[in-house]
Amino acid sequence: MKLQLLRNATQVLTVNDKQILIDPMLGPKGAYDTIIMTDNGLRNPLVDLPVNPQELIKTIDAVLLTHLHNDHWDSVAVALLPKDIPLFCQAGDEDKIREAGFTNVTPVADEITWQGITISRTSGQHGTGEIGNLMGRVSGYVINDLYIAGDTIWCEDVKNAIDKYQPKHIVLNGGAAQFVKGDPIVMSIDDIRKVRDYAPAAQLIIVHLEAVNHSRQSREQIRTAFPDQNVRVPDDGEFVYI
């Protein structure tokens, strides 16, 4: 398998000669308002994609969505993607996606197989307390020995997924994104360390960095925290071979 980070949580996974687009936020730099309950006023995304989105779409065989927050599923993706493309999402999101005109939507309640590729859903916790409740339900997915954790902090759901699937590679959404109130809503450096300690044999791939205005921890900070360890922090556009 091959994974290319495009920006934020937007990635392309190549498996069985199929290209799966994960969590597409395809809008140009500055297309969207600053995220509410943040304090820096920056517009999102903070950076442009490293590829042309129209050309990217031509290469994609299916789409995989962890949830429908704008930094994972934006209006440009809705406009550009063919409405008959196979699209996999967490159960409960399918109606909203179909309302946008998509006709080939499959909710993943537990596990599905498409083109010989098995996709297993995992749970997560998108923050703590009241903020976590407001952020809503999120999912991750396991494909072969790759675990895409999605927008989650370190929690029992992540432990359970590691225990059940024993992944060799784990994609974590890092950056410790945070509002002016509450705790981080995705993995902080401390959370990443807990995953590494719990699954020391797995390669960790850290994404969801330096692209949205509530992200608090940088690539440099994460790389510095894990020198010479099995923690990969790719740049936008970079490939990771799995």
Protein backbone atom coordinates (compact mmCIF):
# COMPACT_ATOMS: atom_id res chain seq x y z
CA MET A 1 0.00 0.00 0.00
CA LYS A 2 0.95 3.62 -0.48
CA LEU A 3 -0.38 6.65 1.38
CA GLN A 4 0.00 10.24 0.22
CA LEU A 5 -0.75 13.09 2.60
CA LEU A 6 -2.23 15.99 0.68
CA ARG A 7 -3.23 18.42 3.45
CA ASN A 8 -4.77 18.21 6.90
CA ALA A 9 -6.52 14.79 6.99
CA THR A 10 -6.90 14.61 3.20
CA GLN A 11 -4.96 11.61 1.95
CA VAL A 12 -4.89 9.20 -0.96
CA LEU A 13 -4.50 5.52 -0.10
CA THR A 14 -3.44 3.21 -2.91
CA VAL A 15 -4.45 -0.40 -2.24
CA ASN A 16 -5.16 -3.25 -4.68
CA ASP A 17 -4.51 -0.82 -7.57
CA LYS A 18 -7.37 1.38 -6.34
CA GLN A 19 -7.01 4.96 -5.13
CA ILE A 20 -9.16 5.91 -2.15
CA LEU A 21 -9.50 9.59 -1.28
CA ILE A 22 -9.79 10.10 2.47
CA ASP A 23 -11.49 13.12 4.07
CA PRO A 24 -11.28 15.53 1.13
CA MET A 25 -10.99 19.21 1.98
CA LEU A 26 -10.20 20.55 -1.49
CA GLY A 27 -10.82 24.29 -1.18
CA PRO A 28 -8.04 26.82 -1.82
CA LYS A 29 -6.09 28.57 0.91
CA GLY A 30 -8.29 30.97 2.87
CA ALA A 31 -11.57 29.78 1.36
CA TYR A 32 -13.39 29.43 4.68
CA ASP A 33 -13.98 31.56 7.76
CA THR A 34 -11.94 31.11 10.89
CA ILE A 35 -13.26 28.28 13.07
CA ILE A 36 -15.65 29.48 15.76
CA MET A 37 -14.42 29.70 19.36
CA THR A 38 -10.84 30.30 18.26
CA ASP A 39 -8.77 33.41 18.85
CA ASN A 40 -6.42 34.04 15.93
CA GLY A 41 -8.86 35.02 13.16
CA LEU A 42 -7.01 33.11 10.44
CA ARG A 43 -9.03 31.84 7.49
CA ASN A 44 -8.93 28.18 6.49
CA PRO A 45 -7.27 26.24 5.04
CA LEU A 46 -4.00 27.86 6.07
CA VAL A 47 -2.16 26.44 3.04
CA ASP A 48 -2.97 25.39 -0.51
CA LEU A 49 -3.15 21.81 -1.70
CA PRO A 50 0.07 20.48 -3.26
CA VAL A 51 -1.95 19.12 -6.20
CA ASN A 52 -4.60 20.42 -8.59
CA PRO A 53 -7.93 19.20 -7.20
CA GLN A 54 -9.55 18.79 -10.62
CA GLU A 55 -6.67 16.59 -11.77
CA LEU A 56 -6.68 14.69 -8.48
CA ILE A 57 -10.35 13.75 -8.84
CA LYS A 58 -9.64 12.06 -12.19
CA THR A 59 -7.40 9.51 -10.43
CA ILE A 60 -9.77 8.58 -7.59
CA ASP A 61 -11.76 5.32 -7.44
CA ALA A 62 -13.59 5.83 -4.13
CA VAL A 63 -13.96 8.21 -1.19
CA LEU A 64 -13.73 7.38 2.53
CA LEU A 65 -15.11 9.84 5.10
CA THR A 66 -14.47 9.69 8.84
CA HIS A 67 -17.08 12.41 9.53
CA LEU A 68 -18.52 15.52 7.91
CA HIS A 69 -16.78 18.47 9.57
CA ASN A 70 -15.75 21.05 6.98
CA ASP A 71 -12.02 20.33 7.28
CA HIS A 72 -12.74 16.73 6.21
CA TRP A 73 -15.57 17.19 3.68
CA ASP A 74 -15.91 20.64 2.16
CA SER A 75 -18.07 22.30 -0.45
CA VAL A 76 -15.36 22.07 -3.12
CA ALA A 77 -15.14 18.30 -2.67
CA VAL A 78 -18.93 18.09 -2.90
CA ALA A 79 -18.89 20.11 -6.12
CA LEU A 80 -15.97 18.36 -7.83
CA LEU A 81 -16.47 14.69 -7.04
CA PRO A 82 -18.55 12.63 -9.49
CA LYS A 83 -21.93 12.03 -7.94
CA ASP A 84 -21.78 8.30 -8.71
CA ILE A 85 -18.37 7.68 -7.14
CA PRO A 86 -18.34 4.94 -4.47
CA LEU A 87 -18.40 6.78 -1.17
CA PHE A 88 -18.03 5.15 2.25
CA CYS A 89 -18.97 6.92 5.48
CA GLN A 90 -19.96 6.28 9.08
CA ALA A 91 -23.53 5.21 9.64
CA GLY A 92 -25.69 8.26 10.23
CA ASP A 93 -23.92 10.50 7.71
CA GLU A 94 -25.31 8.86 4.57
CA ASP A 95 -28.52 10.89 4.32
CA LYS A 96 -26.71 14.22 4.35
CA ILE A 97 -24.28 12.97 1.69
CA ARG A 98 -27.13 11.73 -0.48
CA GLU A 99 -28.87 15.09 -0.08
CA ALA A 100 -25.78 16.60 -1.75
CA GLY A 101 -26.51 14.46 -4.82
CA PHE A 102 -24.29 11.43 -4.27
CA THR A 103 -25.93 8.20 -5.42
CA ASN A 104 -23.44 5.47 -4.47
CA VAL A 105 -23.13 5.95 -0.70
CA THR A 106 -22.40 3.03 1.63
CA PRO A 107 -22.49 3.52 5.40
CA VAL A 108 -19.97 1.40 7.28
CA ALA A 109 -21.63 0.24 10.48
CA ASP A 110 -19.02 -2.42 11.17
CA GLU A 111 -17.23 -3.83 8.13
CA ILE A 112 -17.69 -3.84 4.36
CA THR A 113 -15.72 -5.23 1.42
CA TRP A 114 -15.33 -3.32 -1.83
CA GLN A 115 -13.23 -4.48 -4.80
CA GLY A 116 -11.54 -7.04 -2.55
CA ILE A 117 -10.67 -4.35 0.02
CA THR A 118 -12.06 -4.83 3.53
CA ILE A 119 -12.85 -1.63 5.43
CA SER A 120 -13.54 -1.99 9.16
CA ARG A 121 -14.97 0.90 11.18
CA THR A 122 -13.55 1.97 14.54
CA SER A 123 -14.84 4.49 17.06
CA GLY A 124 -13.19 7.55 18.54
CA GLN A 125 -13.65 10.45 20.93
CA HIS A 126 -13.44 13.92 19.35
CA GLY A 127 -12.60 15.76 22.55
CA THR A 128 -13.74 15.66 26.17
CA GLY A 129 -16.72 16.88 28.16
CA GLU A 130 -19.18 19.32 26.63
CA ILE A 131 -16.88 20.09 23.69
CA GLY A 132 -16.51 16.40 22.90
CA ASN A 133 -20.28 16.01 22.91
CA LEU A 134 -20.72 19.01 20.62
CA MET A 135 -18.16 17.67 18.15
CA GLY A 136 -20.35 14.64 17.57
CA ARG A 137 -19.74 11.10 16.41
CA VAL A 138 -16.55 10.29 14.52
CA SER A 139 -15.04 7.17 13.03
CA GLY A 140 -11.75 5.62 12.05
CA TYR A 141 -11.11 2.75 9.68
CA VAL A 142 -8.82 -0.25 9.36
CA ILE A 143 -7.70 -1.41 5.92
CA ASN A 144 -5.34 -4.39 5.94
CA ASP A 145 -2.71 -3.53 8.57
CA LEU A 146 -3.35 0.23 8.42
CA TYR A 147 -5.44 1.92 11.13
CA ILE A 148 -6.69 5.41 10.26
CA ALA A 149 -7.78 6.69 13.67
CA GLY A 150 -9.62 9.82 12.51
CA ASP A 151 -10.41 12.84 14.68
CA THR A 152 -9.92 11.36 18.13
CA ILE A 153 -7.92 11.84 21.27
CA TRP A 154 -6.25 8.94 23.10
CA CYS A 155 -9.12 6.97 24.62
CA GLU A 156 -10.51 3.49 25.18
CA ASP A 157 -11.81 3.38 21.59
CA VAL A 158 -8.28 3.73 20.26
CA LYS A 159 -6.97 1.11 22.69
CA ASN A 160 -9.73 -1.27 21.64
CA ALA A 161 -8.97 -0.79 17.95
CA ILE A 162 -5.28 -1.49 18.50
CA ASP A 163 -6.10 -4.57 20.58
CA LYS A 164 -8.55 -5.92 18.02
CA TYR A 165 -6.68 -5.26 14.77
CA GLN A 166 -3.00 -5.15 15.84
CA PRO A 167 -2.14 -2.63 13.10
CA LYS A 168 1.40 -2.26 11.84
CA HIS A 169 0.76 1.33 10.74
CA ILE A 170 -1.40 3.92 12.52
CA VAL A 171 -2.40 7.30 11.08
CA LEU A 172 -3.09 9.80 13.86
CA ASN A 173 -4.65 13.23 13.50
CA GLY A 174 -2.29 15.39 15.53
CA GLY A 175 -1.80 19.07 16.20
CA ALA A 176 -3.74 19.27 19.49
CA ALA A 177 -6.46 21.39 17.86
CA GLN A 178 -8.28 23.30 20.56
CA PHE A 179 -10.93 25.96 21.08
CA VAL A 180 -10.65 28.83 23.55
CA LYS A 181 -12.46 26.58 26.02
CA GLY A 182 -11.88 22.91 26.70
CA ASP A 183 -9.17 20.37 26.01
CA PRO A 184 -7.67 19.34 22.65
CA ILE A 185 -10.09 17.61 20.27
CA VAL A 186 -7.45 15.57 18.40
CA MET A 187 -4.15 14.00 19.40
CA SER A 188 -1.60 16.08 21.28
CA ILE A 189 2.04 15.12 21.64
CA ASP A 190 1.14 13.49 24.95
CA ASP A 191 -1.58 11.45 23.23
CA ILE A 192 0.80 10.41 20.45
CA ARG A 193 3.26 9.26 23.11
CA LYS A 194 0.53 7.14 24.72
CA VAL A 195 -0.24 5.49 21.39
CA ARG A 196 3.44 4.85 20.78
CA ASP A 197 3.85 3.31 24.23
CA TYR A 198 0.73 1.16 23.78
CA ALA A 199 1.68 -0.01 20.27
CA PRO A 200 5.49 0.21 20.23
CA ALA A 201 5.88 -2.01 17.17
CA ALA A 202 3.57 0.09 14.99
CA GLN A 203 4.72 2.88 12.73
CA LEU A 204 2.86 6.08 13.60
CA ILE A 205 2.07 8.54 10.80
CA ILE A 206 1.00 11.97 12.07
CA VAL A 207 -1.25 14.14 9.88
CA HIS A 208 -3.86 16.92 10.39
CA LEU A 209 -1.11 19.50 10.95
CA GLU A 210 -0.58 23.18 10.08
CA ALA A 211 -3.71 23.44 7.93
CA VAL A 212 -6.54 24.71 10.16
CA ASN A 213 -6.44 27.70 12.48
CA HIS A 214 -7.17 25.89 15.76
CA SER A 215 -4.20 23.51 15.43
CA ARG A 216 -1.73 24.19 18.26
CA GLN A 217 1.28 21.89 17.69
CA SER A 218 3.51 21.97 14.62
CA ARG A 219 5.35 19.36 12.62
CA GLU A 220 8.62 20.62 14.05
CA GLN A 221 7.38 20.21 17.62
CA ILE A 222 6.19 16.66 16.98
CA ARG A 223 9.39 15.67 15.18
CA THR A 224 11.42 17.11 18.04
CA ALA A 225 9.36 15.15 20.57
CA PHE A 226 10.01 11.84 18.78
CA PRO A 227 13.56 11.89 17.39
CA ASP A 228 14.82 8.66 15.83
CA GLN A 229 11.62 6.83 16.76
CA ASN A 230 8.99 5.05 14.71
CA VAL A 231 6.97 8.25 14.28
CA ARG A 232 6.64 9.69 10.78
CA VAL A 233 5.48 13.29 10.25
CA PRO A 234 5.04 13.73 6.48
CA ASP A 235 4.91 17.06 4.71
CA ASP A 236 1.99 17.90 2.45
CA GLY A 237 2.35 15.93 -0.79
CA GLU A 238 4.70 13.35 0.73
CA PHE A 239 4.24 9.60 0.17
CA VAL A 240 4.52 6.95 2.87
CA TYR A 241 4.99 3.38 1.65
CA ILE A 242 3.28 0.82 3.83
